[in-house]
Amino acid sequence: MTNVHKNHTTEFKTKHVIDTMPNQSDIDRRNRSLMAFTLLTGG
């Protein structure tokens, strides 16, 4: 049987990505929210 290793992000990496995204404008905050939603829901 073959052992398949799947890459996945850790909670730390996910938080780092969201924390380092810009959030100065409404568009930046929208993008940040969409990224957080996508990462947290596994989409």
N, C-alpha and C. Protein backbone atom coordinates (compact mmCIF):
# COMPACT_ATOMS: atom_id res chain seq x y z
N MET A 1 0.85 -1.18 0.00
CA MET A 1 0.00 0.00 0.00
C MET A 1 0.89 1.24 0.00
N THR A 2 0.54 2.21 -0.80
CA THR A 2 1.31 3.44 -0.91
C THR A 2 0.83 4.45 0.12
N ASN A 3 1.80 5.07 0.81
CA ASN A 3 1.48 6.11 1.78
C ASN A 3 1.50 7.45 1.04
N VAL A 4 0.36 8.10 0.97
CA VAL A 4 0.24 9.37 0.25
C VAL A 4 0.30 10.50 1.27
N HIS A 5 1.26 11.41 1.08
CA HIS A 5 1.41 12.57 1.97
C HIS A 5 0.73 13.77 1.32
N LYS A 6 -0.24 14.34 2.02
CA LYS A 6 -0.94 15.51 1.50
C LYS A 6 -0.42 16.75 2.21
N ASN A 7 -0.13 17.79 1.44
CA ASN A 7 0.30 19.05 2.03
C ASN A 7 -0.91 19.76 2.63
N HIS A 8 -0.70 20.35 3.77
CA HIS A 8 -1.76 21.12 4.41
C HIS A 8 -1.13 22.27 5.19
N THR A 9 -1.93 23.27 5.45
CA THR A 9 -1.42 24.41 6.20
C THR A 9 -1.72 24.22 7.68
N THR A 10 -0.86 24.76 8.49
CA THR A 10 -1.08 24.72 9.92
C THR A 10 -1.88 25.94 10.33
N GLU A 11 -2.43 25.91 11.54
CA GLU A 11 -3.16 27.07 12.04
C GLU A 11 -2.25 28.29 12.11
N PHE A 12 -0.98 28.06 12.47
CA PHE A 12 -0.02 29.16 12.55
C PHE A 12 0.20 29.82 11.20
N LYS A 13 0.37 29.00 10.16
CA LYS A 13 0.58 29.54 8.81
C LYS A 13 -0.65 30.30 8.34
N THR A 14 -1.82 29.75 8.61
CA THR A 14 -3.06 30.40 8.21
C THR A 14 -3.20 31.76 8.88
N LYS A 15 -2.96 31.81 10.19
CA LYS A 15 -3.05 33.07 10.93
C LYS A 15 -2.01 34.07 10.42
N HIS A 16 -0.81 33.59 10.11
CA HIS A 16 0.25 34.46 9.60
C HIS A 16 -0.17 35.10 8.28
N VAL A 17 -0.72 34.31 7.38
CA VAL A 17 -1.16 34.84 6.08
C VAL A 17 -2.22 35.91 6.26
N ILE A 18 -3.20 35.64 7.10
CA ILE A 18 -4.28 36.60 7.31
C ILE A 18 -3.76 37.86 8.01
N ASP A 19 -2.89 37.68 9.01
CA ASP A 19 -2.36 38.83 9.74
C ASP A 19 -1.48 39.73 8.89
N THR A 20 -0.80 39.17 7.89
CA THR A 20 0.12 39.98 7.08
C THR A 20 -0.55 40.61 5.86
N MET A 21 -1.81 40.27 5.61
CA MET A 21 -2.51 40.89 4.48
C MET A 21 -2.84 42.34 4.82
N PRO A 22 -2.79 43.22 3.83
CA PRO A 22 -3.13 44.62 4.09
C PRO A 22 -4.60 44.76 4.49
N ASN A 23 -4.89 45.78 5.30
CA ASN A 23 -6.28 46.02 5.70
C ASN A 23 -6.57 47.52 5.83
N GLN A 24 -6.00 48.29 4.92
CA GLN A 24 -6.17 49.74 4.96
C GLN A 24 -7.47 50.21 4.34
N SER A 25 -7.90 49.58 3.26
CA SER A 25 -9.10 50.03 2.56
C SER A 25 -10.22 49.00 2.71
N ASP A 26 -11.40 49.39 2.27
CA ASP A 26 -12.53 48.45 2.29
C ASP A 26 -12.25 47.23 1.44
N ILE A 27 -11.61 47.42 0.30
CA ILE A 27 -11.26 46.30 -0.59
C ILE A 27 -10.28 45.37 0.10
N ASP A 28 -9.26 45.93 0.77
CA ASP A 28 -8.28 45.10 1.50
C ASP A 28 -8.97 44.28 2.58
N ARG A 29 -9.88 44.90 3.32
CA ARG A 29 -10.59 44.18 4.38
C ARG A 29 -11.51 43.11 3.81
N ARG A 30 -12.12 43.41 2.65
CA ARG A 30 -12.95 42.39 1.99
C ARG A 30 -12.10 41.20 1.58
N ASN A 31 -10.95 41.47 0.95
CA ASN A 31 -10.06 40.40 0.51
C ASN A 31 -9.58 39.56 1.70
N ARG A 32 -9.25 40.22 2.77
CA ARG A 32 -8.79 39.53 3.98
C ARG A 32 -9.90 38.64 4.54
N SER A 33 -11.11 39.15 4.56
CA SER A 33 -12.25 38.37 5.05
C SER A 33 -12.52 37.16 4.17
N LEU A 34 -12.44 37.36 2.85
CA LEU A 34 -12.66 36.24 1.94
C LEU A 34 -11.59 35.16 2.09
N MET A 35 -10.35 35.59 2.28
CA MET A 35 -9.26 34.63 2.48
C MET A 35 -9.46 33.86 3.78
N ALA A 36 -9.81 34.56 4.84
CA ALA A 36 -10.03 33.91 6.14
C ALA A 36 -11.19 32.90 6.03
N PHE A 37 -12.28 33.30 5.39
CA PHE A 37 -13.41 32.42 5.24
C PHE A 37 -13.04 31.18 4.45
N THR A 38 -12.32 31.37 3.36
CA THR A 38 -11.92 30.25 2.50
C THR A 38 -11.00 29.28 3.26
N LEU A 39 -10.02 29.82 3.96
CA LEU A 39 -9.08 28.96 4.69
C LEU A 39 -9.75 28.24 5.85
N LEU A 40 -10.63 28.91 6.56
CA LEU A 40 -11.27 28.32 7.72
C LEU A 40 -12.33 27.28 7.38
N THR A 41 -12.95 27.43 6.22
CA THR A 41 -13.99 26.47 5.83
C THR A 41 -13.47 25.36 4.95
N GLY A 42 -12.18 25.43 4.60
CA GLY A 42 -11.59 24.38 3.77
C GLY A 42 -11.99 24.48 2.31
N GLY A 43 -12.46 25.64 1.90
CA GLY A 43 -12.92 25.85 0.51
C GLY A 43 -11.79 26.03 -0.38
